C-alpha atoms as a PDB file:
ATOM      1  CA  MET A   1      -2.188  16.671  -6.222  1.00  0.00           C
ATOM      2  CA  ALA A   2      -1.437  17.989  -2.769  1.00  0.00           C
ATOM      3  CA  SER A   3       2.244  18.141  -1.930  1.00  0.00           C
ATOM      4  CA  ASN A   4       3.454  14.940  -0.330  1.00  0.00           C
ATOM      5  CA  PRO A   5       7.055  14.759   0.973  1.00  0.00           C
ATOM      6  CA  VAL A   6       7.301  11.053   0.164  1.00  0.00           C
ATOM      7  CA  PHE A   7       6.271  11.398  -3.474  1.00  0.00           C
ATOM      8  CA  ASP A   8       8.154  14.658  -3.973  1.00  0.00           C
ATOM      9  CA  ARG A   9      11.317  12.720  -3.157  1.00  0.00           C
ATOM     10  CA  ILE A  10      10.304   9.754  -5.309  1.00  0.00           C
ATOM     11  CA  ASP A  11       9.679  12.017  -8.304  1.00  0.00           C
ATOM     12  CA  LYS A  12      13.043  13.745  -7.870  1.00  0.00           C
ATOM     13  CA  GLU A  13      15.031  10.566  -7.378  1.00  0.00           C
ATOM     14  CA  SER A  14      13.327   8.764 -10.250  1.00  0.00           C
ATOM     15  CA  ARG A  15      14.766  11.399 -12.583  1.00  0.00           C
ATOM     16  CA  LYS A  16      18.228  10.681 -11.134  1.00  0.00           C
ATOM     17  CA  GLY A  17      18.028   7.027 -11.980  1.00  0.00           C
ATOM     18  CA  TYR A  18      17.208   4.914  -8.926  1.00  0.00           C
ATOM     19  CA  ALA A  19      15.492   1.572  -9.442  1.00  0.00           C
ATOM     20  CA  GLY A  20      16.548   1.580 -13.090  1.00  0.00           C
ATOM     21  CA  PHE A  21      14.782   4.805 -14.142  1.00  0.00           C
ATOM     22  CA  GLY A  22      16.896   6.934 -16.415  1.00  0.00           C
ATOM     23  CA  ARG A  23      20.005   4.914 -15.705  1.00  0.00           C
ATOM     24  CA  ALA A  24      22.614   4.888 -18.423  1.00  0.00           C
ATOM     25  CA  PRO A  25      23.776   1.475 -19.663  1.00  0.00           C
ATOM     26  CA  GLN A  26      26.824   0.278 -17.775  1.00  0.00           C
ATOM     27  CA  GLN A  27      29.987  -0.483 -19.682  1.00  0.00           C
ATOM     28  CA  PRO A  28      31.844  -3.698 -18.899  1.00  0.00           C
ATOM     29  CA  THR A  29      34.587  -3.142 -16.347  1.00  0.00           C
ATOM     30  CA  ALA A  30      37.914  -4.865 -15.955  1.00  0.00           C
ATOM     31  CA  GLY A  31      37.396  -8.468 -14.934  1.00  0.00           C
ATOM     32  CA  MET A  32      33.847  -8.490 -16.366  1.00  0.00           C
ATOM     33  CA  ALA A  33      33.323 -10.246 -19.638  1.00  0.00           C
ATOM     34  CA  SER A  34      31.107  -8.542 -22.201  1.00  0.00           C
ATOM     35  CA  THR A  35      28.350 -10.545 -23.893  1.00  0.00           C
ATOM     36  CA  ASP A  36      30.329 -10.441 -27.148  1.00  0.00           C
ATOM     37  CA  ALA A  37      33.118 -12.464 -25.496  1.00  0.00           C
ATOM     38  CA  MET A  38      30.790 -15.078 -23.959  1.00  0.00           C
ATOM     39  CA  THR A  39      30.393 -18.587 -25.292  1.00  0.00           C
ATOM     40  CA  PRO A  40      26.941 -19.713 -26.470  1.00  0.00           C
ATOM     41  CA  GLN A  41      26.552 -21.788 -23.285  1.00  0.00           C
ATOM     42  CA  GLN A  42      27.426 -18.809 -21.065  1.00  0.00           C
ATOM     43  CA  LEU A  43      24.906 -16.650 -22.886  1.00  0.00           C
ATOM     44  CA  GLN A  44      22.239 -19.325 -22.491  1.00  0.00           C
ATOM     45  CA  ASP A  45      22.970 -19.623 -18.750  1.00  0.00           C
ATOM     46  CA  LEU A  46      22.725 -15.842 -18.416  1.00  0.00           C
ATOM     47  CA  TYR A  47      19.391 -15.679 -20.206  1.00  0.00           C
ATOM     48  CA  ASN A  48      18.029 -18.585 -18.141  1.00  0.00           C
ATOM     49  CA  GLN A  49      18.609 -16.749 -14.875  1.00  0.00           C
ATOM     50  CA  PRO A  50      15.433 -15.348 -13.281  1.00  0.00           C
ATOM     51  CA  SER A  51      15.022 -11.589 -13.462  1.00  0.00           C
ATOM     52  CA  ALA A  52      15.940  -9.639 -10.354  1.00  0.00           C
ATOM     53  CA  GLY A  53      13.002  -9.018  -8.057  1.00  0.00           C
ATOM     54  CA  PRO A  54      12.329  -6.126  -5.674  1.00  0.00           C
ATOM     55  CA  VAL A  55      14.448  -7.679  -2.933  1.00  0.00           C
ATOM     56  CA  GLN A  56      17.487  -8.121  -5.182  1.00  0.00           C
ATOM     57  CA  THR A  57      17.237  -4.564  -6.526  1.00  0.00           C
ATOM     58  CA  ARG A  58      16.457  -3.140  -3.042  1.00  0.00           C
ATOM     59  CA  ARG A  59      13.145  -1.737  -4.169  1.00  0.00           C
ATOM     60  CA  LEU A  60      10.285  -1.192  -1.776  1.00  0.00           C
ATOM     61  CA  THR A  61       7.966  -4.128  -1.013  1.00  0.00           C
ATOM     62  CA  ILE A  62       4.886  -4.445   1.151  1.00  0.00           C
ATOM     63  CA  ASP A  63       6.883  -6.709   3.482  1.00  0.00           C
ATOM     64  CA  ASP A  64       9.337  -3.849   4.076  1.00  0.00           C
ATOM     65  CA  VAL A  65       6.523  -1.520   5.113  1.00  0.00           C
ATOM     66  CA  VAL A  66       4.883  -4.160   7.327  1.00  0.00           C
ATOM     67  CA  MET A  67       8.146  -4.959   9.119  1.00  0.00           C
ATOM     68  CA  LYS A  68       9.052  -1.304   9.699  1.00  0.00           C
ATOM     69  CA  THR A  69       5.514  -0.540  10.878  1.00  0.00           C
ATOM     70  CA  ALA A  70       5.672  -3.439  13.333  1.00  0.00           C
ATOM     71  CA  ALA A  71       9.050  -2.214  14.612  1.00  0.00           C
ATOM     72  CA  LEU A  72       7.850   1.354  15.173  1.00  0.00           C
ATOM     73  CA  PHE A  73       4.591   0.133  16.702  1.00  0.00           C
ATOM     74  CA  SER A  74       6.567  -2.032  19.148  1.00  0.00           C
ATOM     75  CA  ILE A  75       8.638   0.976  20.191  1.00  0.00           C
ATOM     76  CA  VAL A  76       5.503   3.050  20.795  1.00  0.00           C
ATOM     77  CA  VAL A  77       3.928   0.256  22.867  1.00  0.00           C
ATOM     78  CA  VAL A  78       7.028  -0.480  24.983  1.00  0.00           C
ATOM     79  CA  VAL A  79       7.734   3.197  25.698  1.00  0.00           C
ATOM     80  CA  GLY A  80       4.026   3.745  26.298  1.00  0.00           C
ATOM     81  CA  ILE A  81       3.986   1.050  28.990  1.00  0.00           C
ATOM     82  CA  ILE A  82       7.006   2.641  30.686  1.00  0.00           C
ATOM     83  CA  ALA A  83       5.416   6.091  30.482  1.00  0.00           C
ATOM     84  CA  TRP A  84       2.191   4.658  31.935  1.00  0.00           C
ATOM     85  CA  GLN A  85       4.140   3.519  34.997  1.00  0.00           C
ATOM     86  CA  LEU A  86       5.901   6.886  35.347  1.00  0.00           C
ATOM     87  CA  THR A  87       2.830   9.061  34.831  1.00  0.00           C
ATOM     88  CA  PRO A  88       1.783   9.267  38.523  1.00  0.00           C
ATOM     89  CA  SER A  89       5.076  11.062  39.193  1.00  0.00           C
ATOM     90  CA  PHE A  90       5.913  12.676  35.848  1.00  0.00           C
ATOM     91  CA  GLY A  91       2.613  12.810  33.997  1.00  0.00           C
ATOM     92  CA  LEU A  92       2.602  16.460  32.883  1.00  0.00           C
ATOM     93  CA  PRO A  93       6.269  16.587  31.743  1.00  0.00           C
ATOM     94  CA  LEU A  94       5.811  13.339  29.802  1.00  0.00           C
ATOM     95  CA  MET A  95       2.675  14.598  28.084  1.00  0.00           C
ATOM     96  CA  LEU A  96       3.900  18.116  27.263  1.00  0.00           C
ATOM     97  CA  GLY A  97       7.361  16.844  26.336  1.00  0.00           C
ATOM     98  CA  GLY A  98       5.822  14.261  24.046  1.00  0.00           C
ATOM     99  CA  ILE A  99       3.646  16.876  22.353  1.00  0.00           C
ATOM    100  CA  ALA A 100       6.539  19.309  21.829  1.00  0.00           C
ATOM    101  CA  ALA A 101       9.022  16.663  20.665  1.00  0.00           C
ATOM    102  CA  THR A 102       6.642  14.978  18.220  1.00  0.00           C
ATOM    103  CA  LEU A 103       5.636  18.346  16.771  1.00  0.00           C
ATOM    104  CA  VAL A 104       9.243  19.418  16.158  1.00  0.00           C
ATOM    105  CA  LEU A 105      10.485  16.021  14.973  1.00  0.00           C
ATOM    106  CA  GLY A 106       7.428  15.583  12.765  1.00  0.00           C
ATOM    107  CA  LEU A 107       8.219  18.799  10.892  1.00  0.00           C
ATOM    108  CA  VAL A 108      11.902  17.889  10.558  1.00  0.00           C
ATOM    109  CA  ILE A 109      11.094  14.407   9.228  1.00  0.00           C
ATOM    110  CA  ALA A 110       8.512  15.749   6.784  1.00  0.00           C
ATOM    111  CA  PHE A 111      10.805  18.337   5.211  1.00  0.00           C
ATOM    112  CA  LYS A 112      14.184  16.632   5.531  1.00  0.00           C
ATOM    113  CA  LYS A 113      15.586  15.787   2.088  1.00  0.00           C
ATOM    114  CA  THR A 114      16.790  12.347   3.164  1.00  0.00           C
ATOM    115  CA  VAL A 115      15.111   9.585   5.142  1.00  0.00           C
ATOM    116  CA  SER A 116      16.546   9.633   8.673  1.00  0.00           C
ATOM    117  CA  VAL A 117      15.879   6.380  10.517  1.00  0.00           C
ATOM    118  CA  PRO A 118      17.232   7.706  13.879  1.00  0.00           C
ATOM    119  CA  LEU A 119      14.809  10.654  13.742  1.00  0.00           C
ATOM    120  CA  ILE A 120      11.893   8.360  12.904  1.00  0.00           C
ATOM    121  CA  VAL A 121      12.808   6.035  15.789  1.00  0.00           C
ATOM    122  CA  ALA A 122      13.179   9.031  18.129  1.00  0.00           C
ATOM    123  CA  TYR A 123       9.728  10.208  17.066  1.00  0.00           C
ATOM    124  CA  ALA A 124       8.286   6.797  17.963  1.00  0.00           C
ATOM    125  CA  VAL A 125       9.921   7.015  21.411  1.00  0.00           C
ATOM    126  CA  PHE A 126       8.405  10.412  22.189  1.00  0.00           C
ATOM    127  CA  GLU A 127       5.098   9.326  20.680  1.00  0.00           C
ATOM    128  CA  GLY A 128       5.089   6.365  23.067  1.00  0.00           C
ATOM    129  CA  ALA A 129       5.707   8.713  25.998  1.00  0.00           C
ATOM    130  CA  LEU A 130       2.764  10.850  24.915  1.00  0.00           C
ATOM    131  CA  VAL A 131       0.432   7.895  24.383  1.00  0.00           C
ATOM    132  CA  GLY A 132       1.361   6.236  27.686  1.00  0.00           C
ATOM    133  CA  SER A 133       0.951   9.369  29.784  1.00  0.00           C
ATOM    134  CA  VAL A 134      -2.343  10.436  28.190  1.00  0.00           C
ATOM    135  CA  SER A 135      -3.743   6.903  28.453  1.00  0.00           C
ATOM    136  CA  ASN A 136      -2.869   6.685  32.134  1.00  0.00           C
ATOM    137  CA  ILE A 137      -4.492  10.051  32.843  1.00  0.00           C
ATOM    138  CA  TYR A 138      -7.717   8.993  31.127  1.00  0.00           C
ATOM    139  CA  SER A 139      -7.687   5.648  32.926  1.00  0.00           C
ATOM    140  CA  THR A 140      -7.153   7.354  36.276  1.00  0.00           C
ATOM    141  CA  VAL A 141      -9.965   9.844  35.747  1.00  0.00           C
ATOM    142  CA  PHE A 142     -12.588   7.536  34.255  1.00  0.00           C
ATOM    143  CA  ASP A 143     -11.762   4.037  35.529  1.00  0.00           C
ATOM    144  CA  LYS A 144      -9.918   4.038  38.839  1.00  0.00           C
ATOM    145  CA  SER A 145     -12.542   6.153  40.597  1.00  0.00           C
ATOM    146  CA  LYS A 146     -15.102   3.493  39.647  1.00  0.00           C
ATOM    147  CA  ASP A 147     -12.762   0.533  40.197  1.00  0.00           C
ATOM    148  CA  VAL A 148     -13.059  -0.610  36.576  1.00  0.00           C
ATOM    149  CA  PRO A 149     -10.489  -3.237  35.431  1.00  0.00           C
ATOM    150  CA  VAL A 150      -7.966  -1.877  32.916  1.00  0.00           C
ATOM    151  CA  PHE A 151      -8.950  -4.405  30.229  1.00  0.00           C
ATOM    152  CA  GLN A 152     -12.554  -3.191  30.451  1.00  0.00           C
ATOM    153  CA  GLY A 153     -11.749   0.491  30.836  1.00  0.00           C
ATOM    154  CA  ILE A 154     -11.710   3.491  28.542  1.00  0.00           C
ATOM    155  CA  VAL A 155      -8.228   2.737  27.199  1.00  0.00           C
ATOM    156  CA  ALA A 156      -9.131  -0.824  26.195  1.00  0.00           C
ATOM    157  CA  GLN A 157     -12.265   0.461  24.477  1.00  0.00           C
ATOM    158  CA  ALA A 158     -10.262   3.087  22.593  1.00  0.00           C
ATOM    159  CA  VAL A 159      -7.698   0.487  21.467  1.00  0.00           C
ATOM    160  CA  LEU A 160     -10.441  -1.866  20.250  1.00  0.00           C
ATOM    161  CA  ALA A 161     -12.219   0.953  18.433  1.00  0.00           C
ATOM    162  CA  THR A 162      -8.968   2.058  16.789  1.00  0.00           C
ATOM    163  CA  LEU A 163      -8.189  -1.442  15.537  1.00  0.00           C
ATOM    164  CA  SER A 164     -11.762  -1.806  14.274  1.00  0.00           C
ATOM    165  CA  VAL A 165     -11.580   1.461  12.333  1.00  0.00           C
ATOM    166  CA  PHE A 166      -8.192   0.479  10.901  1.00  0.00           C
ATOM    167  CA  ALA A 167      -9.509  -2.898   9.731  1.00  0.00           C
ATOM    168  CA  GLY A 168     -12.646  -1.319   8.308  1.00  0.00           C
ATOM    169  CA  MET A 169     -10.750   1.353   6.375  1.00  0.00           C
ATOM    170  CA  LEU A 170      -8.259  -1.188   5.029  1.00  0.00           C
ATOM    171  CA  LEU A 171     -11.124  -3.399   3.831  1.00  0.00           C
ATOM    172  CA  ALA A 172     -12.953  -0.450   2.286  1.00  0.00           C
ATOM    173  CA  TYR A 173      -9.783   0.661   0.495  1.00  0.00           C
ATOM    174  CA  LYS A 174      -8.809  -2.784  -0.781  1.00  0.00           C
ATOM    175  CA  THR A 175     -12.329  -3.533  -2.069  1.00  0.00           C
ATOM    176  CA  GLY A 176     -12.532  -0.174  -3.855  1.00  0.00           C
ATOM    177  CA  LEU A 177     -15.327   1.151  -1.664  1.00  0.00           C
ATOM    178  CA  ILE A 178     -13.080   4.113  -0.921  1.00  0.00           C
ATOM    179  CA  LYS A 179     -11.036   5.472  -3.822  1.00  0.00           C
ATOM    180  CA  VAL A 180      -8.199   7.887  -3.141  1.00  0.00           C
ATOM    181  CA  THR A 181      -8.236  10.342  -6.031  1.00  0.00           C
ATOM    182  CA  ALA A 182      -6.151  13.500  -6.435  1.00  0.00           C
ATOM    183  CA  LYS A 183      -9.153  15.542  -5.299  1.00  0.00           C
ATOM    184  CA  PHE A 184      -9.702  13.303  -2.252  1.00  0.00           C
ATOM    185  CA  ARG A 185      -6.035  13.667  -1.305  1.00  0.00           C
ATOM    186  CA  ARG A 186      -6.128  17.463  -1.651  1.00  0.00           C
ATOM    187  CA  ILE A 187      -9.255  17.784   0.482  1.00  0.00           C
ATOM    188  CA  VAL A 188      -7.902  15.520   3.229  1.00  0.00           C
ATOM    189  CA  THR A 189      -4.526  17.268   3.243  1.00  0.00           C
ATOM    190  CA  MET A 190      -6.070  20.735   3.558  1.00  0.00           C
ATOM    191  CA  ALA A 191      -8.445  19.521   6.271  1.00  0.00           C
ATOM    192  CA  VAL A 192      -5.559  17.976   8.237  1.00  0.00           C
ATOM    193  CA  ILE A 193      -3.546  21.206   8.056  1.00  0.00           C
ATOM    194  CA  GLY A 194      -6.558  23.149   9.280  1.00  0.00           C
ATOM    195  CA  TYR A 195      -7.183  20.698  12.097  1.00  0.00           C
ATOM    196  CA  VAL A 196      -3.535  20.805  13.225  1.00  0.00           C
ATOM    197  CA  ILE A 197      -3.797  24.586  13.556  1.00  0.00           C
ATOM    198  CA  PHE A 198      -7.039  24.196  15.495  1.00  0.00           C
ATOM    199  CA  ALA A 199      -5.491  21.521  17.745  1.00  0.00           C
ATOM    200  CA  LEU A 200      -2.590  23.831  18.684  1.00  0.00           C
ATOM    201  CA  ILE A 201      -5.023  26.641  19.498  1.00  0.00           C
ATOM    202  CA  ASN A 202      -7.154  24.211  21.489  1.00  0.00           C
ATOM    203  CA  LEU A 203      -4.096  23.018  23.428  1.00  0.00           C
ATOM    204  CA  GLY A 204      -3.231  26.584  24.405  1.00  0.00           C
ATOM    205  CA  TYR A 205      -6.858  27.239  25.381  1.00  0.00           C
ATOM    206  CA  THR A 206      -6.903  24.114  27.550  1.00  0.00           C
ATOM    207  CA  LEU A 207      -3.644  24.966  29.335  1.00  0.00           C
ATOM    208  CA  PHE A 208      -4.665  28.543  30.117  1.00  0.00           C
ATOM    209  CA  THR A 209      -8.312  27.936  31.057  1.00  0.00           C
ATOM    210  CA  GLN A 210      -7.979  24.445  32.577  1.00  0.00           C
ATOM    211  CA  ALA A 211     -11.169  23.565  30.679  1.00  0.00           C
ATOM    212  CA  PRO A 212     -11.579  19.784  30.283  1.00  0.00           C
ATOM    213  CA  PHE A 213     -11.196  18.728  26.629  1.00  0.00           C
ATOM    214  CA  GLY A 214     -10.673  22.331  25.514  1.00  0.00           C
ATOM    215  CA  ILE A 215     -12.986  24.124  23.105  1.00  0.00           C
ATOM    216  CA  GLY A 216     -16.485  22.683  23.164  1.00  0.00           C
ATOM    217  CA  GLY A 217     -15.887  20.690  26.345  1.00  0.00           C
ATOM    218  CA  THR A 218     -18.413  17.883  26.704  1.00  0.00           C
ATOM    219  CA  SER A 219     -21.178  19.741  24.881  1.00  0.00           C
ATOM    220  CA  GLY A 220     -22.623  18.817  21.524  1.00  0.00           C
ATOM    221  CA  LEU A 221     -20.022  21.061  19.896  1.00  0.00           C
ATOM    222  CA  GLY A 222     -17.188  19.179  21.605  1.00  0.00           C
ATOM    223  CA  ILE A 223     -18.598  15.792  20.595  1.00  0.00           C
ATOM    224  CA  GLY A 224     -19.005  17.064  17.034  1.00  0.00           C
ATOM    225  CA  ILE A 225     -15.365  18.175  16.965  1.00  0.00           C
ATOM    226  CA  SER A 226     -14.260  14.725  18.131  1.00  0.00           C
ATOM    227  CA  LEU A 227     -16.394  12.970  15.518  1.00  0.00           C
ATOM    228  CA  PHE A 228     -14.975  15.213  12.799  1.00  0.00           C
ATOM    229  CA  ALA A 229     -11.407  14.487  13.952  1.00  0.00           C
ATOM    230  CA  ILE A 230     -12.033  10.727  13.984  1.00  0.00           C
ATOM    231  CA  GLY A 231     -13.504  10.894  10.482  1.00  0.00           C
ATOM    232  CA  LEU A 232     -10.527  12.924   9.276  1.00  0.00           C
ATOM    233  CA  ALA A 233      -8.009  10.507  10.810  1.00  0.00           C
ATOM    234  CA  SER A 234      -9.891   7.607   9.202  1.00  0.00           C
ATOM    235  CA  ALA A 235      -9.726   9.315   5.802  1.00  0.00           C
ATOM    236  CA  MET A 236      -6.006   9.853   6.353  1.00  0.00           C
ATOM    237  CA  LEU A 237      -5.608   6.094   6.774  1.00  0.00           C
ATOM    238  CA  ALA A 238      -6.941   5.637   3.244  1.00  0.00           C
ATOM    239  CA  VAL A 239      -4.422   8.204   1.993  1.00  0.00           C
ATOM    240  CA  ASP A 240      -1.656   6.290   3.808  1.00  0.00           C
ATOM    241  CA  PHE A 241      -2.714   3.012   2.176  1.00  0.00           C
ATOM    242  CA  ASP A 242      -2.718   4.682  -1.233  1.00  0.00           C
ATOM    243  CA  SER A 243       0.703   6.233  -0.596  1.00  0.00           C
ATOM    244  CA  ILE A 244       2.125   2.799   0.190  1.00  0.00           C
ATOM    245  CA  ASP A 245       0.627   1.262  -2.965  1.00  0.00           C
ATOM    246  CA  ARG A 246       1.865   4.104  -5.141  1.00  0.00           C
ATOM    247  CA  ALA A 247       5.377   4.009  -3.688  1.00  0.00           C
ATOM    248  CA  ILE A 248       5.620   0.266  -4.365  1.00  0.00           C
ATOM    249  CA  ALA A 249       4.270   0.701  -7.907  1.00  0.00           C
ATOM    250  CA  ALA A 250       6.778   3.494  -8.561  1.00  0.00           C
ATOM    251  CA  GLY A 251       9.675   1.240  -7.578  1.00  0.00           C
ATOM    252  CA  ALA A 252      10.733   3.454  -4.677  1.00  0.00           C
ATOM    253  CA  PRO A 253      13.917   2.532  -2.788  1.00  0.00           C
ATOM    254  CA  GLU A 254      13.577   0.265   0.231  1.00  0.00           C
ATOM    255  CA  LYS A 255      14.588   3.113   2.561  1.00  0.00           C
ATOM    256  CA  TYR A 256      11.200   4.759   2.009  1.00  0.00           C
ATOM    257  CA  SER A 257       9.582   1.935   3.961  1.00  0.00           C
ATOM    258  CA  TRP A 258      10.627   3.772   7.139  1.00  0.00           C
ATOM    259  CA  LEU A 259       8.920   6.966   6.035  1.00  0.00           C
ATOM    260  CA  LEU A 260       5.736   5.190   4.981  1.00  0.00           C
ATOM    261  CA  ALA A 261       5.628   3.184   8.219  1.00  0.00           C
ATOM    262  CA  HIS A 262       6.165   6.399  10.187  1.00  0.00           C
ATOM    263  CA  GLY A 263       3.207   8.046   8.462  1.00  0.00           C
ATOM    264  CA  LEU A 264       0.960   5.077   9.150  1.00  0.00           C
ATOM    265  CA  ILE A 265       1.882   4.957  12.858  1.00  0.00           C
ATOM    266  CA  VAL A 266       1.346   8.707  13.221  1.00  0.00           C
ATOM    267  CA  THR A 267      -2.163   8.381  11.797  1.00  0.00           C
ATOM    268  CA  LEU A 268      -2.987   5.374  13.992  1.00  0.00           C
ATOM    269  CA  VAL A 269      -1.870   7.152  17.163  1.00  0.00           C
ATOM    270  CA  TRP A 270      -3.807  10.258  16.174  1.00  0.00           C
ATOM    271  CA  LEU A 271      -6.922   8.145  15.594  1.00  0.00           C
ATOM    272  CA  TYR A 272      -6.476   6.428  18.974  1.00  0.00           C
ATOM    273  CA  LEU A 273      -6.104   9.720  20.862  1.00  0.00           C
ATOM    274  CA  GLU A 274      -9.181  11.206  19.166  1.00  0.00           C
ATOM    275  CA  ILE A 275     -11.263   8.140  20.009  1.00  0.00           C
ATOM    276  CA  LEU A 276     -10.003   8.308  23.593  1.00  0.00           C
ATOM    277  CA  ARG A 277     -11.015  11.972  23.746  1.00  0.00           C
ATOM    278  CA  LEU A 278     -14.490  11.190  22.358  1.00  0.00           C
ATOM    279  CA  LEU A 279     -15.051   8.423  24.919  1.00  0.00           C
ATOM    280  CA  GLY A 280     -13.943  10.794  27.675  1.00  0.00           C
ATOM    281  CA  ARG A 281     -16.372  13.444  26.512  1.00  0.00           C
ATOM    282  CA  LEU A 282     -19.229  10.944  26.349  1.00  0.00           C
ATOM    283  CA  ARG A 283     -18.473   9.556  29.815  1.00  0.00           C
ATOM    284  CA  ASN A 284     -18.229  13.055  31.314  1.00  0.00           C
ATOM    285  CA  ASN A 285     -21.764  13.986  30.277  1.00  0.00           C
END
């Protein structure tokens, strides 16, 4: 299986004894009665108590992931709205700063041995700045010149398409139409690494040549690149869903909900930006 920072940590910590794995039996401490000293009624009351659930043992639940995802998504949206308003004056610094900060923070979060909530929140802030500035630029170029209302413009279409793809991939994953195997995960991971390298090269090409959309432009090659990127981001959603299911099944600590939510938001934003780019290429033809 391709290396995954989340599951590398889960495997290591499971051998140390979190969530009950490998944990040595605890000896009664002072002030704690052992079962040998309990009366029959006390033993019966103890046995009648319900077993501790994920919440009591602080293990990961789907609710944890949903709540953390909603929190990070809210940060991205709020910061994105602010960045949208600031883009006419600070568009380029917001966009380039967002790209640089998310790249650096993303690497730190991925390889950091512990889950750092402040870093994940900071990533969401810079991601919001990137999303807001890029969205405003696309809206200005493709909508304002034609006096198209924002809710009918390219950004609204990209948001709707992103949500539709997300819902479709979730349905396909839950119904078993898409199965995330070890081979599937390896292929997607290698393809993502390759595409990240290409995206950095493309960014440099765009900055130095001032070519719209970078390599391929609005030609068939450019549209093909966008379609490939959207397909890859969609496949990554399935990997994210599988990662969440596997983490819950493994009894991962609740703190990993932040890392899983972070991964899901990163993929969603990537998908949105690629759809936005594709719509821009199509409209520019």
